[in-house]
Amino acid sequence: MGPRSALAGLLTVLVVLIASQGTAAAAAPPATPPVAGPPAVGIAAPAAAGTDDGPVEDPPPDPLAESGADLAPATDASPKPLAGTTDLVRFFGTALAWIDHGSFGLDRARMVADRSAPKGRLLRVAYPAGSASPTVARSGAKSGGAQSYLRLPRSADAMTLTYSVRFQPGFKFVKGGKLPGLFGGDAGSGGHHKAAGFSTRFMWRAAGAGEVYAYFPQATGDGASLGRGRWRFTPGRWDRIAQRVVLNTPGRNNGTVTVWVNGRQVFAQGGLTYRTQGNVHIDGLFFSTFFGGGDRSWVSPTNQYVDFSGFSFVPVRGLGPGRP
């Protein structure tokens, strides 16, 4: 075979290879675009929750590493404004104002020294066997968990709440339960929404799936389930969770919420209405945790507990409404 014949044969082979690769590429399905955080893990979010993941954002700086950002423990001389709140006062210090309205189960929150916890201490909340929410307790079940509204010295329109949570080894999640989040104004709960307030508690669901469980003004029924299944809680392990809430401009639905778990953004959503009037702001922590739920199918099957530690509150300056 002469040089020209060999070159012609080589060109023919290259054309065939290129053509076959183009055919395979055309037949292959398009690549799935990347999403912020892990995909849903077997639990579909309700349609009302939306699917807007928003832009991927760098995790907020861990306030525990910043001087003075974490709340300091109280001294023995610190006032104890509510009976039965000794351990809560000692744990959070005097930076928070205590609101008696809506509080319960404060004797089930005990401070424990633990070297594995941030700052070496944690708040352990107990859920007795057969216990659930106050709604279920009114029907004859046991009351479990604890709840209190804790007001910060200064309100804000954008804030990042960060804390660590650890479910006891072997924790039985059942159908779900509440975890602390931010609140503002006259925050509602228990199916009662308020016209001048909101709340953004975290929640665990079946098999440890996480979500933001939000109460918005003028809503009805249960709270809104946002981002359900975008992350999971693992019993026996500390998870560092953060929620950044940016309030909307009154009259517009441009509020946002962004969630990070262990430094990774797992969820973001816009188009939210936290307030309808300008005098509603982010006021503090809605420390609320219990099984439920509104009926006995939510109760804890055995005596269980969850540990909390390292709460920090960082106002986000220079971040206007509609920003994640």
Protein backbone atom coordinates (compact mmCIF):
# COMPACT_ATOMS: atom_id res chain seq x y z
CA MET A 1 0.00 0.00 0.00
CA GLY A 2 1.42 3.42 -0.95
CA PRO A 3 1.65 6.42 1.40
CA ARG A 4 -1.42 8.09 -0.13
CA SER A 5 -3.54 4.96 0.27
CA ALA A 6 -2.44 4.58 3.91
CA LEU A 7 -3.28 8.23 4.66
CA ALA A 8 -6.70 7.89 3.03
CA GLY A 9 -7.42 4.79 5.11
CA LEU A 10 -6.45 6.58 8.33
CA LEU A 11 -8.71 9.54 7.54
CA THR A 12 -11.61 7.15 6.90
CA VAL A 13 -11.13 5.53 10.34
CA LEU A 14 -11.04 8.95 12.06
CA VAL A 15 -14.26 10.06 10.32
CA VAL A 16 -16.03 6.87 11.42
CA LEU A 17 -14.86 7.30 15.05
CA ILE A 18 -15.96 10.94 15.18
CA ALA A 19 -19.33 10.09 13.65
CA SER A 20 -19.92 7.25 16.11
CA GLN A 21 -19.06 9.47 19.10
CA GLY A 22 -21.46 12.13 17.89
CA THR A 23 -24.23 9.55 17.56
CA ALA A 24 -23.59 8.26 21.10
CA ALA A 25 -23.61 11.80 22.51
CA ALA A 26 -26.90 12.54 20.80
CA ALA A 27 -28.44 9.38 22.19
CA ALA A 28 -27.23 9.98 25.77
CA PRO A 29 -29.54 11.88 28.14
CA PRO A 30 -28.48 15.44 29.00
CA ALA A 31 -26.33 15.82 32.10
CA THR A 32 -28.21 16.70 35.27
CA PRO A 33 -27.34 20.27 36.31
CA PRO A 34 -25.75 20.64 39.73
CA VAL A 35 -27.99 21.61 42.64
CA ALA A 36 -27.22 23.33 45.90
CA GLY A 37 -26.79 20.70 48.60
CA PRO A 38 -27.64 17.01 48.45
CA PRO A 39 -30.71 15.81 46.55
CA ALA A 40 -33.88 14.85 48.34
CA VAL A 41 -33.48 11.52 50.05
CA GLY A 42 -36.65 9.60 49.41
CA ILE A 43 -39.09 12.10 50.94
CA ALA A 44 -40.84 14.43 48.56
CA ALA A 45 -41.47 17.99 49.71
CA PRO A 46 -45.09 19.19 49.56
CA ALA A 47 -45.89 21.33 46.57
CA ALA A 48 -46.45 24.36 48.81
CA ALA A 49 -42.81 24.24 49.89
CA GLY A 50 -41.52 25.24 46.45
CA THR A 51 -38.36 24.10 44.71
CA ASP A 52 -36.30 27.30 44.49
CA ASP A 53 -32.86 26.33 45.75
CA GLY A 54 -31.43 29.80 45.17
CA PRO A 55 -27.75 30.48 44.53
CA VAL A 56 -25.08 28.42 46.24
CA GLU A 57 -23.51 30.57 48.91
CA ASP A 58 -20.41 30.23 51.01
CA PRO A 59 -21.21 29.03 54.53
CA PRO A 60 -21.53 31.76 57.14
CA PRO A 61 -18.47 32.19 59.32
CA ASP A 62 -18.79 29.94 62.35
CA PRO A 63 -19.59 32.36 65.16
CA LEU A 64 -17.92 30.04 67.68
CA ALA A 65 -14.58 30.96 66.14
CA GLU A 66 -15.28 34.70 66.46
CA SER A 67 -14.36 36.55 69.63
CA GLY A 68 -17.40 37.56 71.61
CA ALA A 69 -19.96 36.19 69.15
CA ASP A 70 -21.07 33.27 71.29
CA LEU A 71 -23.33 33.90 74.26
CA ALA A 72 -21.43 33.84 77.53
CA PRO A 73 -22.61 31.70 80.46
CA ALA A 74 -24.23 33.49 83.34
CA THR A 75 -22.58 33.92 86.72
CA ASP A 76 -24.09 32.60 89.95
CA ALA A 77 -25.32 36.13 90.67
CA SER A 78 -27.32 36.32 87.42
CA PRO A 79 -31.06 36.84 87.81
CA LYS A 80 -33.38 33.89 87.24
CA PRO A 81 -36.56 35.51 85.93
CA LEU A 82 -38.69 32.38 85.64
CA ALA A 83 -39.15 29.61 88.17
CA GLY A 84 -37.70 26.32 86.93
CA THR A 85 -35.40 27.90 84.33
CA THR A 86 -32.17 27.60 86.29
CA ASP A 87 -30.33 25.42 83.77
CA LEU A 88 -31.64 27.39 80.80
CA VAL A 89 -30.47 30.65 82.38
CA ARG A 90 -27.07 29.18 83.21
CA PHE A 91 -26.71 27.80 79.70
CA PHE A 92 -27.70 30.88 77.68
CA GLY A 93 -26.45 33.54 80.07
CA THR A 94 -28.04 36.95 80.54
CA ALA A 95 -27.90 38.12 76.91
CA LEU A 96 -31.47 36.96 76.32
CA ALA A 97 -34.73 38.27 77.79
CA TRP A 98 -37.12 35.54 78.89
CA ILE A 99 -40.75 35.67 77.76
CA ASP A 100 -43.13 33.70 79.93
CA HIS A 101 -45.78 33.37 77.22
CA GLY A 102 -45.76 29.96 75.54
CA SER A 103 -43.16 28.37 77.84
CA PHE A 104 -43.45 24.78 79.06
CA GLY A 105 -41.31 21.81 80.12
CA LEU A 106 -38.35 23.90 81.26
CA ASP A 107 -37.53 21.36 83.96
CA ARG A 108 -36.85 18.85 81.16
CA ALA A 109 -33.90 20.92 79.89
CA ARG A 110 -30.75 20.18 81.89
CA MET A 111 -27.23 21.54 81.41
CA VAL A 112 -24.53 18.85 81.16
CA ALA A 113 -20.75 19.14 81.04
CA ASP A 114 -19.49 17.28 77.95
CA ARG A 115 -16.05 17.66 76.38
CA SER A 116 -17.42 16.69 72.96
CA ALA A 117 -19.79 19.67 72.91
CA PRO A 118 -18.86 23.16 71.72
CA LYS A 119 -17.52 25.11 74.71
CA GLY A 120 -17.67 21.87 76.72
CA ARG A 121 -21.32 22.12 77.78
CA LEU A 122 -24.69 21.20 76.35
CA LEU A 123 -28.39 21.50 77.08
CA ARG A 124 -30.10 18.09 77.15
CA VAL A 125 -33.86 18.02 76.57
CA ALA A 126 -35.86 14.93 77.56
CA TYR A 127 -38.82 13.41 75.70
CA PRO A 128 -40.50 10.83 77.99
CA ALA A 129 -42.02 7.68 76.52
CA GLY A 130 -45.51 8.38 75.21
CA SER A 131 -44.99 12.14 75.10
CA ALA A 132 -45.64 14.63 72.33
CA SER A 133 -46.73 18.22 71.73
CA PRO A 134 -48.98 20.23 74.06
CA THR A 135 -51.81 19.63 71.58
CA VAL A 136 -51.47 15.86 72.04
CA ALA A 137 -50.97 16.23 75.78
CA ARG A 138 -54.36 17.94 76.04
CA SER A 139 -55.92 14.73 74.72
CA GLY A 140 -54.39 12.67 77.53
CA ALA A 141 -50.85 11.90 76.33
CA LYS A 142 -47.74 12.89 78.27
CA SER A 143 -46.08 16.24 77.72
CA GLY A 144 -42.50 16.17 76.47
CA GLY A 145 -39.72 18.45 75.36
CA ALA A 146 -39.39 22.12 76.29
CA GLN A 147 -40.24 25.52 74.89
CA SER A 148 -39.53 29.19 75.55
CA TYR A 149 -39.29 32.42 73.55
CA LEU A 150 -35.92 34.11 74.15
CA ARG A 151 -35.54 37.71 73.00
CA LEU A 152 -32.19 39.15 71.88
CA PRO A 153 -31.05 42.63 73.05
CA ARG A 154 -31.41 44.01 69.51
CA SER A 155 -33.70 43.04 66.65
CA ALA A 156 -32.57 42.72 63.03
CA ASP A 157 -33.99 42.26 59.54
CA ALA A 158 -31.37 39.66 58.53
CA MET A 159 -29.78 37.19 60.92
CA THR A 160 -27.92 33.87 60.99
CA LEU A 161 -28.73 31.44 63.81
CA THR A 162 -26.20 28.64 64.27
CA TYR A 163 -26.15 25.79 66.77
CA SER A 164 -25.08 22.17 67.20
CA VAL A 165 -27.57 19.37 67.73
CA ARG A 166 -27.04 15.71 68.59
CA PHE A 167 -29.76 13.07 68.77
CA GLN A 168 -28.99 10.30 71.24
CA PRO A 169 -27.58 7.07 69.74
CA GLY A 170 -30.43 4.91 68.43
CA PHE A 171 -32.88 7.82 68.47
CA LYS A 172 -36.32 6.82 67.15
CA PHE A 173 -37.56 9.69 64.97
CA VAL A 174 -41.13 8.32 64.49
CA LYS A 175 -43.02 10.90 62.35
CA GLY A 176 -41.17 14.03 63.43
CA GLY A 177 -40.64 16.79 65.96
CA LYS A 178 -39.66 20.43 66.39
CA LEU A 179 -36.22 22.02 66.83
CA PRO A 180 -35.27 25.63 67.70
CA GLY A 181 -35.34 28.43 65.14
CA LEU A 182 -35.75 32.20 64.85
CA PHE A 183 -38.91 34.20 65.50
CA GLY A 184 -40.19 37.72 65.16
CA GLY A 185 -43.18 39.66 66.47
CA ASP A 186 -46.14 37.68 67.78
CA ALA A 187 -44.96 34.33 66.42
CA GLY A 188 -47.60 31.66 66.11
CA SER A 189 -47.47 27.92 66.72
CA GLY A 190 -49.79 24.96 67.20
CA GLY A 191 -51.69 25.75 64.01
CA HIS A 192 -52.37 29.35 65.12
CA HIS A 193 -50.83 31.83 62.71
CA LYS A 194 -50.51 35.49 63.72
CA ALA A 195 -50.91 38.53 61.52
CA ALA A 196 -47.88 40.30 63.04
CA GLY A 197 -45.25 37.61 63.45
CA PHE A 198 -43.41 34.59 62.05
CA SER A 199 -41.18 31.68 63.13
CA THR A 200 -38.66 29.45 61.34
CA ARG A 201 -38.14 26.44 63.58
CA PHE A 202 -36.20 23.49 62.26
CA MET A 203 -37.94 20.12 62.32
CA TRP A 204 -36.92 16.49 62.08
CA ARG A 205 -39.10 14.10 60.14
CA ALA A 206 -39.25 10.32 59.66
CA ALA A 207 -35.81 8.67 59.37
CA GLY A 208 -34.14 11.93 60.43
CA ALA A 209 -35.02 14.03 57.37
CA GLY A 210 -34.64 17.75 58.12
CA GLU A 211 -36.68 20.79 57.12
CA VAL A 212 -37.52 24.38 58.04
CA TYR A 213 -41.00 24.48 59.58
CA ALA A 214 -42.22 28.06 59.10
CA TYR A 215 -45.19 30.06 60.33
CA PHE A 216 -46.07 33.06 58.16
CA PRO A 217 -48.59 35.86 58.76
CA GLN A 218 -52.10 35.32 57.44
CA ALA A 219 -51.43 31.63 56.71
CA THR A 220 -53.79 28.88 57.84
CA GLY A 221 -53.46 25.29 59.01
CA ASP A 222 -50.10 23.72 59.77
CA GLY A 223 -46.77 25.44 59.25
CA ALA A 224 -45.08 25.45 55.85
CA SER A 225 -42.64 22.58 55.20
CA LEU A 226 -39.55 24.03 53.47
CA GLY A 227 -36.74 21.89 52.10
CA ARG A 228 -37.92 18.61 53.59
CA GLY A 229 -35.41 15.81 53.04
CA ARG A 230 -32.59 18.03 51.76
CA TRP A 231 -30.48 16.83 54.70
CA ARG A 232 -30.64 14.17 57.43
CA PHE A 233 -29.79 14.15 61.10
CA THR A 234 -27.62 11.22 62.22
CA PRO A 235 -28.17 9.89 65.77
CA GLY A 236 -25.09 9.94 67.95
CA ARG A 237 -23.33 12.64 65.88
CA TRP A 238 -23.05 16.39 66.36
CA ASP A 239 -24.51 18.28 63.39
CA ARG A 240 -23.79 22.01 63.09
CA ILE A 241 -26.85 23.64 61.54
CA ALA A 242 -27.41 27.24 60.50
CA GLN A 243 -30.36 29.17 59.14
CA ARG A 244 -30.07 32.65 57.65
CA VAL A 245 -33.36 34.53 57.52
CA VAL A 246 -33.68 37.74 55.49
CA LEU A 247 -37.03 39.43 56.00
CA ASN A 248 -39.12 40.67 53.11
CA THR A 249 -39.95 44.27 52.29
CA PRO A 250 -43.50 44.86 53.62
CA GLY A 251 -45.87 44.52 50.71
CA ARG A 252 -43.51 42.26 48.74
CA ASN A 253 -42.80 38.53 48.95
CA ASN A 254 -39.00 38.80 48.69
CA GLY A 255 -37.94 37.20 51.97
CA THR A 256 -35.45 34.32 51.94
CA VAL A 257 -34.18 31.46 54.08
CA THR A 258 -30.87 29.62 53.59
CA VAL A 259 -29.72 26.51 55.47
CA TRP A 260 -26.24 25.09 56.03
CA VAL A 261 -25.44 21.76 57.66
CA ASN A 262 -21.86 21.10 58.75
CA GLY A 263 -20.66 24.01 56.62
CA ARG A 264 -22.42 22.98 53.42
CA GLN A 265 -25.39 24.82 51.96
CA VAL A 266 -28.22 22.34 51.60
CA PHE A 267 -31.23 24.54 50.92
CA ALA A 268 -32.24 28.09 49.96
CA GLN A 269 -35.62 29.54 49.09
CA GLY A 270 -36.93 32.96 48.18
CA GLY A 271 -40.37 34.42 47.57
CA LEU A 272 -41.30 34.35 51.28
CA THR A 273 -43.49 36.76 53.26
CA TYR A 274 -42.41 37.01 56.89
CA ARG A 275 -44.17 40.28 57.62
CA THR A 276 -46.86 42.57 56.29
CA GLN A 277 -45.85 45.59 58.37
CA GLY A 278 -42.55 47.33 58.97
CA ASN A 279 -42.52 47.00 62.77
CA VAL A 280 -41.95 43.22 62.65
CA HIS A 281 -38.29 42.18 62.90
CA ILE A 282 -36.23 39.13 63.88
CA ASP A 283 -36.42 39.26 67.68
CA GLY A 284 -34.72 36.13 68.95
CA LEU A 285 -34.74 32.38 69.47
CA PHE A 286 -37.86 30.23 69.55
CA PHE A 287 -36.41 27.42 71.67
CA SER A 288 -39.04 24.82 70.90
CA THR A 289 -38.53 21.06 70.78
CA PHE A 290 -40.93 18.15 71.20
CA PHE A 291 -42.42 15.22 69.27
CA GLY A 292 -45.37 16.16 67.07
CA GLY A 293 -47.61 16.66 65.54
CA GLY A 294 -51.21 16.84 66.59
CA ASP A 295 -52.20 13.26 67.47
CA ARG A 296 -50.88 10.18 69.29
CA SER A 297 -49.24 8.75 66.17
CA TRP A 298 -46.40 11.23 66.79
CA VAL A 299 -45.49 10.26 70.37
CA SER A 300 -42.01 9.16 71.41
CA PRO A 301 -42.02 5.36 71.81
CA THR A 302 -39.45 5.40 74.63
CA ASN A 303 -37.55 7.77 76.92
CA GLN A 304 -35.25 9.79 74.63
CA TYR A 305 -33.22 12.99 74.57
CA VAL A 306 -31.54 15.46 72.23
CA ASP A 307 -28.48 17.60 73.03
CA PHE A 308 -28.05 21.25 72.00
CA SER A 309 -24.93 23.40 72.19
CA GLY A 310 -23.07 26.40 70.80
CA PHE A 311 -25.96 28.76 70.01
CA SER A 312 -24.88 31.93 68.20
CA PHE A 313 -26.82 34.82 66.68
CA VAL A 314 -25.16 37.02 64.06
CA PRO A 315 -27.03 39.96 62.48
CA VAL A 316 -26.20 40.18 58.78
CA ARG A 317 -25.47 43.80 57.97
CA GLY A 318 -25.64 45.13 54.43
CA LEU A 319 -27.95 42.34 53.29
CA GLY A 320 -31.24 43.80 52.05
CA PRO A 321 -34.59 42.06 51.48
CA GLY A 322 -34.59 39.41 48.80
CA ARG A 323 -30.94 38.43 49.31
CA PRO A 324 -30.14 34.83 50.41
